[in-house]
Amino acid sequence: MKGRDAALDGLRAVAALGVWLLHVGSNTGVMYRDGMLAWMMSRLGIAVPIFFLLSGLLLYRPWARAVIEDTTRPRPLRYLWRRVLRVMPVYWLVTGLVLWAWSSFDWTGWLKWMLLVQNYFPADPTPDGLYQMWTLPIEMAFYVLLPPLAWVLHRWARGGNRPVRLLAGIAVLPVVSVATVVVARVHDLPQLGLMLPYHLVFFGCGMALAVLSVWIGHSRVVDSLAPQLLVLAALLYALLSTGLAGPRTLDLPSLTESLWRLSLEAAVAVLLVAPFALAPRADALRSRALGNPVTAYFGRISYGFFLWHAPVIALQLKLTGAQPFGGDFASVAVVSFVVTTLLSVASHHLLEAPAQRLSRHGSAPVRPRKAPDPVPAAPVR
């Protein structure tokens, strides 16, 4: 698709596969066995910070360009309308089917889930097959926050060196995350982990990369250091896969463990995304590996894959009568991957793609008026 970054699509595909593998491993009990491999599987939740960072990068970049290059700012209502059409149609389909099949909610429970506000009612039970959906209310909260946040940053940046002031303003977001983690652990409020402030560090890192991508464009330094950055990301992921970042079960980590986990996840996500955001060279090995047609296409259907995989795993375990944490890893992995991929392809082409075309309808930028003769009109880029 024109205008898309194939390598970033490929990175999104890898993140979606990470979430799927995490849930296959957890539902079959493999993730809780002894050994470093099981620990590394338990940290595949790093995919969520990567998703959040990509959202911050891709969604804030037009606003960053408007500040730095004095281009037109995105229209907030049009932006929000496109976000709704991007996220909600397939979400409604998957969630509606699961709620109909496996929940006993009354109309208020349905309303909470259909409006993506379920995170704000942590005492309510989560139906089978919807445990991955906790990330979407956080994403939606960021979508709503971004226009006023971008406006504040725009006003702040006009007072001096614009890129530097933008980065300074964005630096407040990780501070908010750290403060929220401290409050959550000191005052025993785990529900804060389901709220946007807890995760602002990841969106903020993406926004900072957006500023840098507009400000410096293609960075030769990042390009030359890309292999080292990716190796460092792997090493930090190995460190993340230890007890330093907390338990691999649902037990709550301590304050120190939570801060380590937040820091390591942010560092790994930045190191993975930066070579593609700041040095987007299509002929590089890293870009060929992630930006090939197969991986890039999987990235385009990755949202559906993320939504469908948990209900498919839950249905498979119910049909086979597997005990909790006792399913066969290989069979669950193979069947769930094939079925989820087929559903994702279908929902992408039948629902997501038409919704995205609808969101673009009438949203083409207004062309500049032709200059009066004899002054020639500037070419439209």
Protein backbone atom coordinates (compact mmCIF):
# COMPACT_ATOMS: atom_id res chain seq x y z
CA MET A 1 0.00 0.00 0.00
CA LYS A 2 1.34 3.37 -1.01
CA GLY A 3 2.62 5.45 1.83
CA ARG A 4 3.23 2.52 4.17
CA ASP A 5 6.62 1.59 5.56
CA ALA A 6 7.06 -2.10 4.77
CA ALA A 7 9.73 -2.62 7.44
CA LEU A 8 7.55 -1.09 10.16
CA ASP A 9 4.69 -3.30 8.96
CA GLY A 10 7.05 -6.24 9.30
CA LEU A 11 7.98 -5.15 12.82
CA ARG A 12 4.29 -5.00 13.66
CA ALA A 13 3.96 -8.55 12.34
CA VAL A 14 6.77 -9.74 14.61
CA ALA A 15 5.09 -8.08 17.60
CA ALA A 16 1.74 -9.73 16.81
CA LEU A 17 3.43 -13.12 16.55
CA GLY A 18 5.10 -12.44 19.90
CA VAL A 19 1.75 -11.87 21.58
CA TRP A 20 0.35 -15.03 19.98
CA LEU A 21 3.34 -17.13 21.08
CA LEU A 22 3.10 -15.70 24.60
CA HIS A 23 -0.53 -16.82 24.87
CA VAL A 24 0.13 -20.23 23.36
CA GLY A 25 2.90 -20.71 25.89
CA SER A 26 0.82 -19.51 28.82
CA ASN A 27 -2.29 -21.52 27.95
CA THR A 28 -0.29 -24.73 27.51
CA GLY A 29 1.88 -24.17 30.60
CA VAL A 30 5.14 -24.15 28.63
CA MET A 31 5.86 -20.62 29.77
CA TYR A 32 5.93 -21.69 33.41
CA ARG A 33 8.48 -24.48 33.06
CA ASP A 34 12.09 -24.26 34.15
CA GLY A 35 14.77 -22.85 31.91
CA MET A 36 15.79 -19.63 30.22
CA LEU A 37 13.67 -20.36 27.14
CA ALA A 38 10.50 -20.36 29.23
CA TRP A 39 11.53 -17.10 30.89
CA MET A 40 12.22 -15.49 27.51
CA MET A 41 8.82 -16.63 26.27
CA SER A 42 7.20 -15.06 29.32
CA ARG A 43 8.61 -11.64 28.35
CA LEU A 44 7.08 -11.64 24.87
CA GLY A 45 4.66 -9.11 26.30
CA ILE A 46 7.32 -6.67 25.07
CA ALA A 47 5.16 -6.69 21.93
CA VAL A 48 2.69 -4.37 23.65
CA PRO A 49 5.26 -1.60 24.31
CA ILE A 50 6.34 -1.98 20.67
CA PHE A 51 2.76 -1.50 19.51
CA PHE A 52 2.39 1.55 21.78
CA LEU A 53 5.68 3.01 20.56
CA LEU A 54 4.68 2.56 16.91
CA SER A 55 1.40 4.35 17.63
CA GLY A 56 3.25 7.29 19.14
CA LEU A 57 5.68 7.37 16.21
CA LEU A 58 3.24 7.11 13.33
CA LEU A 59 0.36 9.14 14.75
CA TYR A 60 2.37 12.04 16.14
CA ARG A 61 4.66 12.44 13.12
CA PRO A 62 2.21 14.67 11.14
CA TRP A 63 1.92 16.98 14.16
CA ALA A 64 5.70 17.01 14.63
CA ARG A 65 6.13 17.89 10.95
CA ALA A 66 3.59 20.70 11.30
CA VAL A 67 5.64 22.22 14.14
CA ILE A 68 9.09 21.77 12.61
CA GLU A 69 8.31 22.41 8.95
CA ASP A 70 5.29 24.73 9.31
CA THR A 71 2.97 22.39 7.43
CA THR A 72 -0.75 22.07 8.06
CA ARG A 73 -1.69 20.34 11.28
CA PRO A 74 -4.01 17.30 11.14
CA ARG A 75 -7.66 18.04 11.76
CA PRO A 76 -8.56 16.47 15.12
CA LEU A 77 -12.08 15.34 14.23
CA ARG A 78 -10.96 13.78 10.95
CA TYR A 79 -8.06 12.11 12.74
CA LEU A 80 -10.35 10.69 15.44
CA TRP A 81 -12.86 9.50 12.86
CA ARG A 82 -10.12 7.61 11.04
CA ARG A 83 -8.93 6.07 14.31
CA VAL A 84 -12.44 4.86 15.13
CA LEU A 85 -12.86 3.29 11.70
CA ARG A 86 -9.43 1.69 11.99
CA VAL A 87 -9.98 0.11 15.39
CA MET A 88 -13.65 -0.47 16.08
CA PRO A 89 -15.29 -2.50 13.25
CA VAL A 90 -13.21 -5.67 13.66
CA TYR A 91 -13.07 -5.17 17.41
CA TRP A 92 -16.87 -5.10 17.54
CA LEU A 93 -17.05 -8.25 15.42
CA VAL A 94 -14.61 -10.30 17.49
CA THR A 95 -15.77 -9.02 20.87
CA GLY A 96 -19.45 -9.41 20.00
CA LEU A 97 -18.97 -13.04 18.96
CA VAL A 98 -17.01 -13.88 22.12
CA LEU A 99 -19.45 -12.11 24.44
CA TRP A 100 -22.36 -13.92 22.76
CA ALA A 101 -20.61 -17.29 23.07
CA TRP A 102 -18.92 -17.18 26.47
CA SER A 103 -20.20 -14.37 28.66
CA SER A 104 -23.24 -13.91 30.85
CA PHE A 105 -23.13 -10.11 30.81
CA ASP A 106 -26.28 -8.05 30.81
CA TRP A 107 -26.60 -5.04 28.53
CA THR A 108 -24.38 -2.91 30.78
CA GLY A 109 -21.53 -5.40 30.51
CA TRP A 110 -21.92 -5.49 26.73
CA LEU A 111 -21.94 -1.70 26.63
CA LYS A 112 -18.70 -1.44 28.59
CA TRP A 113 -16.91 -3.78 26.21
CA MET A 114 -18.39 -2.32 23.05
CA LEU A 115 -17.38 1.19 24.10
CA LEU A 116 -13.85 0.08 25.05
CA VAL A 117 -14.15 1.16 28.66
CA GLN A 118 -13.80 -2.27 30.30
CA ASN A 119 -10.43 -1.34 31.82
CA TYR A 120 -12.16 1.21 34.03
CA PHE A 121 -14.17 -1.58 35.69
CA PRO A 122 -11.40 -3.95 36.83
CA ALA A 123 -13.71 -5.84 39.19
CA ASP A 124 -15.72 -7.20 36.24
CA PRO A 125 -14.68 -10.64 34.97
CA THR A 126 -12.88 -10.96 31.65
CA PRO A 127 -14.54 -13.50 29.34
CA ASP A 128 -12.48 -16.31 27.83
CA GLY A 129 -10.76 -15.20 24.66
CA LEU A 130 -10.74 -11.49 25.45
CA TYR A 131 -7.80 -11.24 27.84
CA GLN A 132 -5.66 -9.55 25.17
CA MET A 133 -8.13 -6.68 24.76
CA TRP A 134 -6.83 -4.73 27.77
CA THR A 135 -4.43 -2.89 25.48
CA LEU A 136 -7.10 -1.35 23.27
CA PRO A 137 -8.70 1.02 25.85
CA ILE A 138 -5.17 2.30 26.49
CA GLU A 139 -4.62 2.83 22.76
CA MET A 140 -7.97 4.60 22.44
CA ALA A 141 -7.19 6.82 25.40
CA PHE A 142 -3.95 7.85 23.68
CA TYR A 143 -5.83 8.56 20.45
CA VAL A 144 -8.14 10.92 22.33
CA LEU A 145 -5.30 12.54 24.27
CA LEU A 146 -3.04 13.12 21.26
CA PRO A 147 -4.77 16.15 19.64
CA PRO A 148 -4.80 18.31 22.82
CA LEU A 149 -1.33 17.06 23.76
CA ALA A 150 -0.03 17.93 20.29
CA TRP A 151 -1.63 21.40 20.58
CA VAL A 152 0.10 22.02 23.92
CA LEU A 153 3.44 20.83 22.53
CA HIS A 154 2.97 23.04 19.47
CA ARG A 155 2.40 26.11 21.63
CA TRP A 156 5.36 25.23 23.84
CA ALA A 157 7.70 24.62 20.91
CA ARG A 158 7.06 28.02 19.34
CA GLY A 159 9.05 29.66 22.13
CA GLY A 160 12.49 28.66 20.86
CA ASN A 161 14.31 25.83 19.10
CA ARG A 162 11.26 23.84 18.05
CA PRO A 163 12.63 20.27 17.81
CA VAL A 164 14.53 20.63 21.09
CA ARG A 165 11.52 22.09 22.88
CA LEU A 166 9.29 19.35 21.49
CA LEU A 167 11.64 16.70 22.87
CA ALA A 168 11.77 18.50 26.21
CA GLY A 169 7.98 18.60 26.39
CA ILE A 170 7.66 14.94 25.44
CA ALA A 171 10.16 14.06 28.18
CA VAL A 172 7.41 14.77 30.71
CA LEU A 173 5.53 11.64 29.60
CA PRO A 174 8.06 9.09 30.96
CA VAL A 175 8.04 11.00 34.25
CA VAL A 176 4.26 10.53 34.40
CA SER A 177 4.72 6.79 33.83
CA VAL A 178 7.32 6.44 36.58
CA ALA A 179 5.14 8.40 39.01
CA THR A 180 2.16 6.17 38.16
CA VAL A 181 4.20 3.00 38.73
CA VAL A 182 5.31 4.31 42.11
CA VAL A 183 1.75 5.15 43.13
CA ALA A 184 0.47 1.79 41.88
CA ARG A 185 3.01 -0.20 43.88
CA VAL A 186 3.25 1.93 47.04
CA HIS A 187 -0.52 2.21 47.43
CA ASP A 188 -1.34 -1.27 46.08
CA LEU A 189 -3.39 -0.06 43.12
CA PRO A 190 -2.71 -2.66 40.40
CA GLN A 191 -5.63 -1.34 38.35
CA LEU A 192 -3.44 1.62 37.40
CA GLY A 193 -1.56 -0.78 35.15
CA LEU A 194 -4.64 -0.77 32.90
CA MET A 195 -4.58 3.01 32.50
CA LEU A 196 -2.83 5.20 29.95
CA PRO A 197 -0.55 7.12 32.39
CA TYR A 198 1.21 3.88 33.35
CA HIS A 199 2.21 3.33 29.70
CA LEU A 200 2.88 6.89 28.53
CA VAL A 201 6.61 6.21 28.47
CA PHE A 202 6.17 3.97 25.42
CA PHE A 203 3.96 6.39 23.52
CA GLY A 204 6.35 9.19 24.50
CA CYS A 205 9.33 7.29 23.11
CA GLY A 206 7.47 6.88 19.85
CA MET A 207 6.62 10.58 19.77
CA ALA A 208 10.29 11.43 20.37
CA LEU A 209 11.29 9.20 17.47
CA ALA A 210 8.69 10.99 15.35
CA VAL A 211 10.31 14.34 16.16
CA LEU A 212 13.78 13.00 15.37
CA SER A 213 12.61 11.42 12.12
CA VAL A 214 11.28 14.79 10.93
CA TRP A 215 14.15 16.84 12.35
CA ILE A 216 17.17 14.85 11.22
CA GLY A 217 15.58 12.67 8.55
CA HIS A 218 17.79 9.73 7.61
CA SER A 219 20.47 9.39 10.28
CA ARG A 220 23.76 8.03 8.97
CA VAL A 221 24.88 7.38 12.54
CA VAL A 222 21.84 5.24 13.31
CA ASP A 223 22.20 3.52 9.94
CA SER A 224 25.82 2.58 10.62
CA LEU A 225 25.05 1.49 14.19
CA ALA A 226 21.83 -0.39 13.35
CA PRO A 227 23.32 -3.90 13.77
CA GLN A 228 24.80 -2.96 17.13
CA LEU A 229 21.49 -1.41 18.24
CA LEU A 230 19.60 -4.58 17.36
CA VAL A 231 22.15 -6.77 19.16
CA LEU A 232 21.91 -4.51 22.20
CA ALA A 233 18.12 -4.87 22.07
CA ALA A 234 18.55 -8.66 22.15
CA LEU A 235 20.93 -8.46 25.11
CA LEU A 236 18.57 -6.20 27.05
CA TYR A 237 15.72 -8.58 26.25
CA ALA A 238 17.75 -11.37 27.80
CA LEU A 239 18.17 -9.20 30.89
CA LEU A 240 14.45 -8.49 30.85
CA SER A 241 13.90 -12.25 30.86
CA THR A 242 15.26 -12.62 34.39
CA GLY A 243 13.87 -12.14 37.84
CA LEU A 244 15.23 -8.61 37.77
CA ALA A 245 12.05 -7.54 35.97
CA GLY A 246 9.71 -9.44 38.26
CA PRO A 247 7.91 -12.79 38.27
CA ARG A 248 6.65 -14.42 35.08
CA THR A 249 3.32 -15.29 36.68
CA LEU A 250 0.41 -12.96 37.38
CA ASP A 251 1.89 -12.13 40.78
CA LEU A 252 2.52 -8.41 41.14
CA PRO A 253 6.16 -7.31 40.92
CA SER A 254 7.73 -5.11 43.55
CA LEU A 255 8.32 -1.40 42.97
CA THR A 256 11.96 -2.00 42.03
CA GLU A 257 11.05 -4.84 39.69
CA SER A 258 8.33 -2.74 38.08
CA LEU A 259 10.72 0.14 37.42
CA TRP A 260 13.31 -2.21 35.97
CA ARG A 261 10.70 -3.79 33.73
CA LEU A 262 9.38 -0.43 32.53
CA SER A 263 12.89 0.81 31.77
CA LEU A 264 14.04 -2.35 30.00
CA GLU A 265 10.87 -2.65 27.93
CA ALA A 266 11.17 0.98 26.83
CA ALA A 267 14.85 0.52 25.95
CA VAL A 268 14.24 -2.68 23.96
CA ALA A 269 11.33 -1.12 22.07
CA VAL A 270 13.34 2.00 21.16
CA LEU A 271 16.39 0.00 20.08
CA LEU A 272 14.23 -2.22 17.86
CA VAL A 273 12.27 0.57 16.20
CA ALA A 274 14.93 3.30 15.88
CA PRO A 275 16.92 1.66 13.03
CA PHE A 276 13.74 1.55 10.94
CA ALA A 277 12.35 4.94 11.95
CA LEU A 278 15.56 6.96 11.75
CA ALA A 279 17.42 5.03 9.05
CA PRO A 280 14.71 3.71 6.70
CA ARG A 281 16.99 2.19 4.03
CA ALA A 282 15.10 -0.33 1.91
CA ASP A 283 18.26 -2.08 0.67
CA ALA A 284 19.58 -2.81 4.18
CA LEU A 285 19.48 -6.41 5.35
CA ARG A 286 17.27 -5.50 8.31
CA SER A 287 14.73 -3.85 6.01
CA ARG A 288 14.78 -6.74 3.54
CA ALA A 289 14.21 -9.17 6.40
CA LEU A 290 11.20 -7.34 7.81
CA GLY A 291 10.00 -5.50 4.72
CA ASN A 292 9.66 -8.45 2.36
CA PRO A 293 6.18 -8.87 0.85
CA VAL A 294 5.16 -11.78 3.08
CA THR A 295 6.15 -10.15 6.37
CA ALA A 296 4.83 -6.75 5.34
CA TYR A 297 1.47 -8.25 4.38
CA PHE A 298 1.29 -10.08 7.69
CA GLY A 299 1.92 -6.74 9.36
CA ARG A 300 -1.06 -5.27 7.54
CA ILE A 301 -3.32 -8.02 8.86
CA SER A 302 -1.65 -8.08 12.29
CA TYR A 303 -4.44 -6.14 14.02
CA GLY A 304 -6.94 -8.82 13.10
CA PHE A 305 -4.43 -11.50 14.10
CA PHE A 306 -4.06 -9.82 17.49
CA LEU A 307 -7.84 -9.77 17.99
CA TRP A 308 -8.63 -13.26 16.74
CA HIS A 309 -5.83 -15.36 18.21
CA ALA A 310 -7.06 -15.50 21.82
CA PRO A 311 -10.65 -16.59 20.98
CA VAL A 312 -9.24 -19.21 18.60
CA ILE A 313 -6.93 -20.58 21.29
CA ALA A 314 -9.77 -20.59 23.83
CA LEU A 315 -12.12 -22.40 21.43
CA GLN A 316 -9.47 -24.98 20.55
CA LEU A 317 -8.79 -25.75 24.21
CA LYS A 318 -12.52 -26.06 24.93
CA LEU A 319 -13.09 -28.40 21.98
CA THR A 320 -10.16 -30.65 22.93
CA GLY A 321 -11.06 -30.66 26.63
CA ALA A 322 -7.54 -29.65 27.61
CA GLN A 323 -6.92 -28.97 31.28
CA PRO A 324 -5.71 -25.49 32.31
CA PHE A 325 -2.02 -25.12 31.41
CA GLY A 326 -2.08 -28.66 30.04
CA GLY A 327 -2.67 -28.35 26.30
CA ASP A 328 -0.23 -29.66 23.72
CA PHE A 329 1.99 -26.77 22.68
CA ALA A 330 2.67 -27.93 19.11
CA SER A 331 -0.94 -28.66 18.19
CA VAL A 332 -2.25 -25.49 19.81
CA ALA A 333 0.42 -23.44 18.03
CA VAL A 334 -0.16 -24.93 14.57
CA VAL A 335 -3.95 -24.96 14.62
CA SER A 336 -4.32 -21.55 16.22
CA PHE A 337 -1.83 -19.99 13.81
CA VAL A 338 -3.52 -21.36 10.69
CA VAL A 339 -7.07 -20.59 11.80
CA THR A 340 -6.19 -17.13 13.14
CA THR A 341 -4.34 -16.23 9.95
CA LEU A 342 -7.31 -17.26 7.78
CA LEU A 343 -9.72 -15.25 9.93
CA SER A 344 -7.36 -12.28 9.88
CA VAL A 345 -7.09 -12.32 6.09
CA ALA A 346 -10.86 -12.50 5.76
CA SER A 347 -11.62 -9.76 8.27
CA HIS A 348 -8.92 -7.52 6.78
CA HIS A 349 -10.25 -7.66 3.24
CA LEU A 350 -13.95 -7.80 4.10
CA LEU A 351 -14.07 -5.32 6.97
CA GLU A 352 -10.82 -3.50 7.77
CA ALA A 353 -9.90 -2.47 4.23
CA PRO A 354 -13.40 -1.15 3.36
CA ALA A 355 -13.49 0.77 6.65
CA GLN A 356 -10.11 2.32 5.91
CA ARG A 357 -11.27 3.32 2.42
CA LEU A 358 -14.31 4.93 4.02
CA SER A 359 -12.07 6.79 6.47
CA ARG A 360 -10.07 8.22 3.58
CA HIS A 361 -13.16 9.27 1.65
CA GLY A 362 -13.15 13.01 1.30
CA SER A 363 -9.98 13.37 3.35
CA ALA A 364 -7.62 14.27 0.52
CA PRO A 365 -5.73 17.46 1.25
CA VAL A 366 -6.95 20.60 -0.42
CA ARG A 367 -4.73 21.51 -3.34
CA PRO A 368 -3.24 24.97 -3.37
CA ARG A 369 -4.94 27.40 -5.68
CA LYS A 370 -3.22 28.03 -8.97
CA ALA A 371 -1.22 31.22 -8.90
CA PRO A 372 -2.46 33.91 -11.27
CA ASP A 373 -0.70 34.18 -14.60
CA PRO A 374 2.03 34.80 -15.48
CA VAL A 375 3.36 33.32 -12.23
CA PRO A 376 3.44 29.51 -12.68
CA ALA A 377 1.72 27.33 -10.10
CA ALA A 378 3.97 25.43 -7.74
CA PRO A 379 3.99 21.71 -8.52
CA VAL A 380 1.82 19.60 -6.25
CA ARG A 381 3.94 17.09 -4.36
